[in-house]
Amino acid sequence: MKKNKILFAMHELDLGGAQRVMTNIVNNFNKELYDVHFCLFKKKGALVSDIKEEVIIHDLKSKRVLTSSIKYYKLILNLKPDIVFTNITHVNLLTSLLIPFLKLKKDICFFTREVNNPSIRSSFKLSSKIMDFFYRYTITNFDFIIAQSNYMKTDIISHYCIEKSKIHAIPNPLDIAHIRKKIEEDKSTLFFNKTRKNILAVGGLRKQKGYDKLLNIMKYLDDSYQLTIIGEGPERVFLENTIKDFNIENRVKLLGNKSNPYPYMRDCDVLMVSSNYEGFPNVIIEANICGKFVLANNCPGINSEIIKVSINGVILDFNNPQIIASYLKENFLQIKNKKIPLKLIDRYDARKISQKYHILIKQYFD
């Protein structure tokens, strides 16, 4: 049986959420049915080493995505894939501009996966607003648009005025077996002081993640509480200064990036997500896989599709730090000992999610 050729495209593979998602999709796509190729505009990032050997990587060695259109166009022309799958906004935009020209040469099925709710993203970042201005005219060139949740699906339809038939809600895949293997690493290492109540947050130090809210909450907790943040980004100096201003240096640690955050999730007492908005917060499910209950801010993208209240987490208003601090004080022991049902986790298994994509591809070529 002839295999379909699929080309995934990503800018690079650093430790971002979209990059982890793409790594999970690429690695778990059925290699018996597809020849799997991966275009990286620059072959760099900690996750490159996680890509399986049977995946063929094409390195465009580019400095910027939007100035590399000719290299990218030529790769697709020469490779002649049956499917092209993109996964992050600037790569999605470039691909959408090229689709009409590529379709003149070959019948290609074009997938795009959106990484955030467009109406919220464009209101927070000027660069997103500029890209969004052009993208709203070209996103319809894709054959399939993947939203990470029904919430996002509704937002995309209303923001871009797209036909419902083009959009499908498929949650993010997680390589559960890989995460469980990573959890077992560094078993002998003591990540936290067990005499304290250990709160963990994981994600880039960006305004989107709302870490200033966590620092505000820490003002209302006593010295028995320790906050650790894993991640790096442009907000570091602001957060460091805020920590000093609040006089909480002895209770907050900024650890920077960690290639394997899962032992930290395993060993913390609770994970908190303070974001101003999210697409699909992988870290919530990752924490659940590590057996941890999650406290999440009530923001766009975090809803009952992901958090089943009081089962795997709870959604609260982080804009009121005193209420969050009181909740922690009253419920900490119950939170710490909460058991997460496996059935909530298994639905995100990367093999199951890849099968959903296969069904859509089959629908296109049938």
Protein backbone atom coordinates (compact mmCIF):
# COMPACT_ATOMS: atom_id res chain seq x y z
CA MET A 1 0.00 0.00 0.00
CA LYS A 2 1.36 3.41 -1.01
CA LYS A 3 2.02 5.67 1.93
CA ASN A 4 0.84 9.27 2.01
CA LYS A 5 3.64 11.76 2.56
CA ILE A 6 3.05 14.28 5.34
CA LEU A 7 5.16 17.37 5.96
CA PHE A 8 4.98 19.07 9.34
CA ALA A 9 6.34 22.62 9.58
CA MET A 10 7.58 24.51 12.65
CA HIS A 11 9.94 27.43 13.21
CA GLU A 12 12.14 25.64 15.79
CA LEU A 13 11.81 23.28 18.75
CA ASP A 14 12.52 25.11 21.97
CA LEU A 15 10.61 24.34 25.17
CA GLY A 16 7.31 26.08 24.34
CA GLY A 17 3.89 24.44 24.57
CA ALA A 18 3.24 24.52 20.80
CA GLN A 19 6.63 22.91 20.20
CA ARG A 20 5.87 20.08 22.64
CA VAL A 21 2.52 19.52 20.93
CA MET A 22 4.12 19.33 17.49
CA THR A 23 6.79 16.95 18.78
CA ASN A 24 4.07 14.68 20.19
CA ILE A 25 2.05 14.72 16.96
CA VAL A 26 5.08 14.08 14.73
CA ASN A 27 6.41 11.23 16.87
CA ASN A 28 3.05 9.48 17.17
CA PHE A 29 1.82 9.76 13.60
CA ASN A 30 1.37 6.26 12.18
CA LYS A 31 4.64 5.53 10.35
CA GLU A 32 3.09 2.47 8.64
CA LEU A 33 0.56 4.72 6.87
CA TYR A 34 2.64 7.87 6.35
CA ASP A 35 6.11 8.94 5.32
CA VAL A 36 6.69 11.58 7.98
CA HIS A 37 8.79 14.65 7.18
CA PHE A 38 9.48 17.63 9.42
CA CYS A 39 10.45 21.09 8.15
CA LEU A 40 12.24 23.26 10.70
CA PHE A 41 13.03 26.81 9.66
CA LYS A 42 15.95 26.50 12.05
CA LYS A 43 16.99 23.13 13.50
CA LYS A 44 17.50 24.28 17.07
CA GLY A 45 15.94 23.83 20.48
CA ALA A 46 15.94 21.30 23.31
CA LEU A 47 13.17 19.21 21.75
CA VAL A 48 15.05 18.42 18.52
CA SER A 49 16.67 15.45 20.24
CA ASP A 50 13.21 14.08 21.12
CA ILE A 51 12.21 13.60 17.46
CA LYS A 52 12.22 9.92 16.51
CA GLU A 53 14.88 8.67 14.09
CA GLU A 54 12.39 7.56 11.42
CA VAL A 55 11.18 11.17 11.00
CA ILE A 56 13.05 12.94 8.17
CA ILE A 57 14.02 16.47 9.25
CA HIS A 58 14.53 19.27 6.68
CA ASP A 59 16.51 22.20 8.07
CA LEU A 60 15.92 25.46 6.15
CA LYS A 61 18.68 27.19 8.19
CA SER A 62 16.68 30.42 8.16
CA LYS A 63 16.97 33.44 10.42
CA ARG A 64 13.29 34.37 10.22
CA VAL A 65 10.16 32.54 9.08
CA LEU A 66 8.51 35.33 7.10
CA THR A 67 11.68 36.06 5.09
CA SER A 68 12.15 32.40 4.16
CA SER A 69 9.15 31.98 1.89
CA ILE A 70 11.17 30.95 -1.20
CA LYS A 71 13.11 28.22 0.65
CA TYR A 72 9.90 26.92 2.18
CA TYR A 73 7.99 27.05 -1.12
CA LYS A 74 10.76 25.19 -2.95
CA LEU A 75 10.90 22.49 -0.27
CA ILE A 76 7.19 21.78 -0.65
CA LEU A 77 7.42 21.80 -4.45
CA ASN A 78 10.35 19.38 -4.48
CA LEU A 79 9.08 17.10 -1.73
CA LYS A 80 5.56 16.86 -3.21
CA PRO A 81 3.79 16.00 0.09
CA ASP A 82 0.17 14.87 0.18
CA ILE A 83 -0.41 16.70 3.46
CA VAL A 84 1.14 19.81 5.00
CA PHE A 85 0.54 20.44 8.70
CA THR A 86 1.47 23.75 10.38
CA ASN A 87 1.24 24.61 14.03
CA ILE A 88 2.23 28.15 15.03
CA THR A 89 0.94 31.55 13.95
CA HIS A 90 3.76 32.98 11.80
CA VAL A 91 4.30 29.62 10.03
CA ASN A 92 0.54 29.31 9.60
CA LEU A 93 0.40 32.78 8.05
CA LEU A 94 3.24 32.12 5.60
CA THR A 95 1.74 28.78 4.57
CA SER A 96 -1.71 30.30 4.06
CA LEU A 97 -0.20 32.87 1.67
CA LEU A 98 1.51 30.13 -0.36
CA ILE A 99 -1.38 27.65 -0.56
CA PRO A 100 -3.05 29.06 -3.73
CA PHE A 101 0.25 28.78 -5.63
CA LEU A 102 1.08 25.31 -4.29
CA LYS A 103 -2.36 23.96 -5.12
CA LEU A 104 -1.75 24.85 -8.75
CA LYS A 105 1.06 22.27 -8.77
CA LYS A 106 -0.38 19.44 -6.66
CA ASP A 107 -3.49 18.39 -4.78
CA ILE A 108 -2.25 18.91 -1.21
CA CYS A 109 -4.32 18.75 1.96
CA PHE A 110 -3.40 21.69 4.20
CA PHE A 111 -3.91 21.53 7.97
CA THR A 112 -3.36 24.33 10.43
CA ARG A 113 -3.57 24.11 14.20
CA GLU A 114 -4.29 27.33 16.03
CA VAL A 115 -2.34 27.86 19.25
CA ASN A 116 -4.47 30.52 20.93
CA ASN A 117 -7.85 32.20 20.93
CA PRO A 118 -7.38 34.84 18.21
CA SER A 119 -9.64 37.53 19.67
CA ILE A 120 -7.68 37.51 22.95
CA ARG A 121 -4.19 37.05 21.48
CA SER A 122 -4.51 40.04 19.14
CA SER A 123 -5.64 42.31 21.99
CA PHE A 124 -2.51 41.51 24.07
CA LYS A 125 0.29 41.71 21.49
CA LEU A 126 0.91 44.29 18.73
CA SER A 127 2.80 41.74 16.58
CA SER A 128 -0.17 39.36 16.85
CA LYS A 129 -2.55 42.16 15.87
CA ILE A 130 -0.48 42.92 12.74
CA MET A 131 -0.29 39.24 11.68
CA ASP A 132 -3.96 38.82 12.46
CA PHE A 133 -4.86 41.65 10.06
CA PHE A 134 -3.43 39.64 7.13
CA TYR A 135 -4.30 36.18 8.44
CA ARG A 136 -8.04 36.83 8.53
CA TYR A 137 -7.95 37.05 4.70
CA THR A 138 -5.88 33.90 4.12
CA ILE A 139 -6.79 31.41 6.87
CA THR A 140 -9.67 30.14 4.74
CA ASN A 141 -7.08 28.75 2.29
CA PHE A 142 -6.52 25.82 4.69
CA ASP A 143 -8.60 22.68 4.18
CA PHE A 144 -8.79 21.93 7.89
CA ILE A 145 -8.42 24.29 10.83
CA ILE A 146 -7.83 22.63 14.18
CA ALA A 147 -8.99 24.32 17.37
CA GLN A 148 -7.75 22.97 20.69
CA SER A 149 -11.18 23.20 22.35
CA ASN A 150 -14.79 24.01 21.55
CA TYR A 151 -14.23 27.37 23.24
CA MET A 152 -11.44 28.15 20.75
CA LYS A 153 -13.49 26.79 17.86
CA THR A 154 -16.27 29.27 18.61
CA ASP A 155 -13.76 32.11 18.94
CA ILE A 156 -12.13 31.31 15.57
CA ILE A 157 -15.49 31.12 13.80
CA SER A 158 -16.64 34.48 15.18
CA HIS A 159 -13.27 36.25 14.85
CA TYR A 160 -12.47 35.15 11.29
CA CYS A 161 -16.02 34.51 10.01
CA ILE A 162 -15.12 30.98 8.89
CA GLU A 163 -17.47 28.19 7.86
CA LYS A 164 -18.11 25.75 10.69
CA SER A 165 -17.39 22.79 8.41
CA LYS A 166 -13.71 23.81 8.12
CA ILE A 167 -13.02 23.80 11.85
CA HIS A 168 -12.60 20.76 14.09
CA ALA A 169 -11.99 20.76 17.85
CA ILE A 170 -9.21 18.31 18.73
CA PRO A 171 -7.46 18.62 22.10
CA ASN A 172 -3.70 18.73 22.38
CA PRO A 173 -1.88 15.39 22.39
CA LEU A 174 0.41 14.38 25.21
CA ASP A 175 2.90 11.55 25.04
CA ILE A 176 1.76 10.05 28.33
CA ALA A 177 4.22 7.13 28.25
CA HIS A 178 7.12 9.53 27.64
CA ILE A 179 6.02 11.83 30.47
CA ARG A 180 5.69 8.90 32.88
CA LYS A 181 9.19 7.81 31.94
CA LYS A 182 10.49 11.33 32.57
CA ILE A 183 8.69 11.46 35.92
CA GLU A 184 10.86 8.58 37.12
CA GLU A 185 14.12 10.36 36.33
CA ASP A 186 16.10 11.98 39.17
CA LYS A 187 14.27 9.99 41.83
CA SER A 188 17.07 10.56 44.31
CA THR A 189 17.10 14.35 43.88
CA LEU A 190 15.36 16.45 46.52
CA PHE A 191 13.65 19.19 44.48
CA PHE A 192 11.76 20.83 47.33
CA ASN A 193 12.03 21.37 51.05
CA LYS A 194 9.38 18.95 52.30
CA THR A 195 8.85 20.94 55.51
CA ARG A 196 7.22 23.65 53.37
CA LYS A 197 4.04 23.81 51.28
CA ASN A 198 5.37 23.76 47.73
CA ILE A 199 3.54 25.59 44.96
CA LEU A 200 4.81 25.17 41.39
CA ALA A 201 4.17 27.16 38.20
CA VAL A 202 5.59 26.19 34.80
CA GLY A 203 5.70 28.32 31.65
CA GLY A 204 7.54 31.15 29.89
CA LEU A 205 8.09 34.38 31.83
CA ARG A 206 5.70 36.39 29.67
CA LYS A 207 2.81 38.75 30.43
CA GLN A 208 0.40 36.09 29.14
CA LYS A 209 1.28 33.85 32.09
CA GLY A 210 0.25 36.45 34.70
CA TYR A 211 2.95 35.54 37.23
CA ASP A 212 2.48 38.91 38.94
CA LYS A 213 -0.81 37.46 40.24
CA LEU A 214 1.06 34.58 41.90
CA LEU A 215 3.46 37.02 43.56
CA ASN A 216 0.49 38.99 44.88
CA ILE A 217 -0.98 35.79 46.33
CA MET A 218 2.33 35.01 48.07
CA LYS A 219 2.06 38.32 49.99
CA TYR A 220 -0.94 36.85 51.82
CA LEU A 221 0.69 33.50 52.68
CA ASP A 222 3.07 32.86 55.53
CA ASP A 223 6.63 31.52 55.45
CA SER A 224 5.46 27.90 55.30
CA TYR A 225 4.59 28.41 51.60
CA GLN A 226 7.21 28.23 48.84
CA LEU A 227 6.57 29.26 45.21
CA THR A 228 8.83 27.89 42.46
CA ILE A 229 8.50 29.04 38.84
CA ILE A 230 10.07 27.06 35.98
CA GLY A 231 10.49 29.02 32.77
CA GLU A 232 12.43 31.85 31.16
CA GLY A 233 11.46 34.95 29.25
CA PRO A 234 11.29 38.74 28.91
CA GLU A 235 9.43 39.30 32.20
CA ARG A 236 12.27 37.98 34.39
CA VAL A 237 13.63 41.39 35.47
CA PHE A 238 10.12 42.68 36.22
CA LEU A 239 9.36 39.59 38.31
CA GLU A 240 12.69 39.78 40.15
CA ASN A 241 12.03 43.43 41.04
CA THR A 242 8.48 42.63 42.15
CA ILE A 243 9.75 39.81 44.38
CA LYS A 244 12.12 42.28 46.05
CA ASP A 245 9.41 44.94 46.39
CA PHE A 246 7.11 42.42 48.09
CA ASN A 247 9.97 41.22 50.34
CA ILE A 248 9.31 37.58 49.45
CA GLU A 249 12.80 36.64 48.16
CA ASN A 250 13.07 33.77 50.65
CA ARG A 251 9.77 32.24 49.47
CA VAL A 252 9.95 32.54 45.66
CA LYS A 253 12.43 30.91 43.28
CA LEU A 254 12.77 31.53 39.52
CA LEU A 255 14.53 28.39 38.29
CA GLY A 256 14.74 29.22 34.57
CA ASN A 257 14.11 26.56 31.92
CA LYS A 258 14.24 22.87 32.76
CA SER A 259 14.32 20.33 29.94
CA ASN A 260 12.53 17.88 32.23
CA PRO A 261 10.02 19.68 34.48
CA TYR A 262 8.10 16.51 35.34
CA PRO A 263 10.01 15.44 38.47
CA TYR A 264 9.30 18.92 39.83
CA MET A 265 5.59 18.41 39.10
CA ARG A 266 5.77 15.00 40.77
CA ASP A 267 7.34 16.41 43.93
CA CYS A 268 5.38 19.66 44.35
CA ASP A 269 2.18 19.85 46.41
CA VAL A 270 0.04 21.82 43.95
CA LEU A 271 0.48 23.39 40.50
CA MET A 272 -0.96 26.85 39.82
CA VAL A 273 -1.78 28.42 36.44
CA SER A 274 -2.18 32.21 36.67
CA SER A 275 -2.47 32.99 32.93
CA ASN A 276 -4.34 35.98 31.52
CA TYR A 277 -5.36 33.78 28.59
CA GLU A 278 -4.54 30.36 27.18
CA GLY A 279 -5.11 28.32 24.04
CA PHE A 280 -4.95 24.89 25.59
CA PRO A 281 -2.82 24.82 28.76
CA ASN A 282 -0.85 21.58 28.37
CA VAL A 283 0.69 22.13 31.79
CA ILE A 284 -2.66 21.33 33.46
CA ILE A 285 -2.82 17.87 31.91
CA GLU A 286 0.92 17.33 32.44
CA ALA A 287 0.47 18.12 36.13
CA ASN A 288 -2.48 15.70 36.28
CA ILE A 289 -0.32 12.97 34.71
CA CYS A 290 2.19 13.68 37.49
CA GLY A 291 -0.65 13.18 39.98
CA LYS A 292 -1.13 16.84 40.89
CA PHE A 293 -4.26 18.91 41.42
CA VAL A 294 -4.30 22.30 39.66
CA LEU A 295 -5.48 25.75 40.75
CA ALA A 296 -6.14 27.81 37.62
CA ASN A 297 -7.12 31.39 36.95
CA ASN A 298 -10.54 31.96 35.43
CA CYS A 299 -9.39 33.24 32.04
CA PRO A 300 -10.18 32.67 28.34
CA GLY A 301 -9.05 29.17 27.36
CA ILE A 302 -9.31 27.60 30.81
CA ASN A 303 -12.73 26.07 31.25
CA SER A 304 -14.71 22.94 32.13
CA GLU A 305 -13.49 21.16 28.97
CA ILE A 306 -10.07 20.87 30.64
CA ILE A 307 -10.73 21.20 34.36
CA LYS A 308 -13.41 19.05 35.96
CA VAL A 309 -14.00 21.07 39.09
CA SER A 310 -12.77 19.46 42.31
CA ILE A 311 -11.70 16.33 40.37
CA ASN A 312 -8.48 17.36 38.62
CA GLY A 313 -8.46 21.04 39.53
CA VAL A 314 -10.44 24.14 40.34
CA ILE A 315 -10.95 27.46 38.52
CA LEU A 316 -10.70 30.60 40.68
CA ASP A 317 -10.39 34.36 40.19
CA PHE A 318 -6.69 35.11 40.66
CA ASN A 319 -7.39 38.85 40.52
CA ASN A 320 -8.43 38.56 44.18
CA PRO A 321 -5.22 37.32 45.85
CA GLN A 322 -6.66 37.28 49.36
CA ILE A 323 -9.41 34.85 48.35
CA ILE A 324 -6.88 32.53 46.65
CA ALA A 325 -4.63 32.64 49.70
CA SER A 326 -7.59 31.79 51.95
CA TYR A 327 -8.57 28.91 49.65
CA LEU A 328 -5.06 27.49 49.87
CA LYS A 329 -4.96 27.77 53.66
CA GLU A 330 -8.33 26.06 54.08
CA ASN A 331 -7.86 23.29 51.49
CA PHE A 332 -4.13 22.63 51.23
CA LEU A 333 -4.08 19.16 52.78
CA GLN A 334 -7.05 18.01 50.67
CA ILE A 335 -5.40 19.42 47.51
CA LYS A 336 -2.07 17.77 48.29
CA ASN A 337 -3.65 14.32 48.75
CA LYS A 338 -6.06 14.46 45.79
CA LYS A 339 -6.01 11.42 43.45
CA ILE A 340 -6.47 12.23 39.75
CA PRO A 341 -8.69 9.74 37.80
CA LEU A 342 -6.82 8.07 34.93
CA LYS A 343 -9.81 8.37 32.56
CA LEU A 344 -9.36 12.18 32.57
CA ILE A 345 -5.79 11.76 31.36
CA ASP A 346 -5.99 8.94 28.82
CA ARG A 347 -8.22 10.89 26.41
CA TYR A 348 -5.20 13.11 25.64
CA ASP A 349 -2.90 10.25 24.66
CA ALA A 350 -0.96 11.26 21.53
CA ARG A 351 -1.78 8.02 19.69
CA LYS A 352 -5.52 8.65 20.13
CA ILE A 353 -5.22 12.27 19.01
CA SER A 354 -3.15 11.30 15.94
CA GLN A 355 -5.92 8.91 14.97
CA LYS A 356 -8.37 11.83 14.92
CA TYR A 357 -6.11 13.59 12.39
CA HIS A 358 -5.90 10.41 10.32
CA ILE A 359 -9.72 10.29 10.11
CA LEU A 360 -9.80 13.86 8.75
CA ILE A 361 -7.06 13.14 6.21
CA LYS A 362 -8.89 10.03 5.01
CA GLN A 363 -12.04 12.12 4.65
CA TYR A 364 -10.17 14.58 2.40
CA PHE A 365 -8.69 11.99 0.03
CA ASP A 366 -11.83 9.81 -0.07
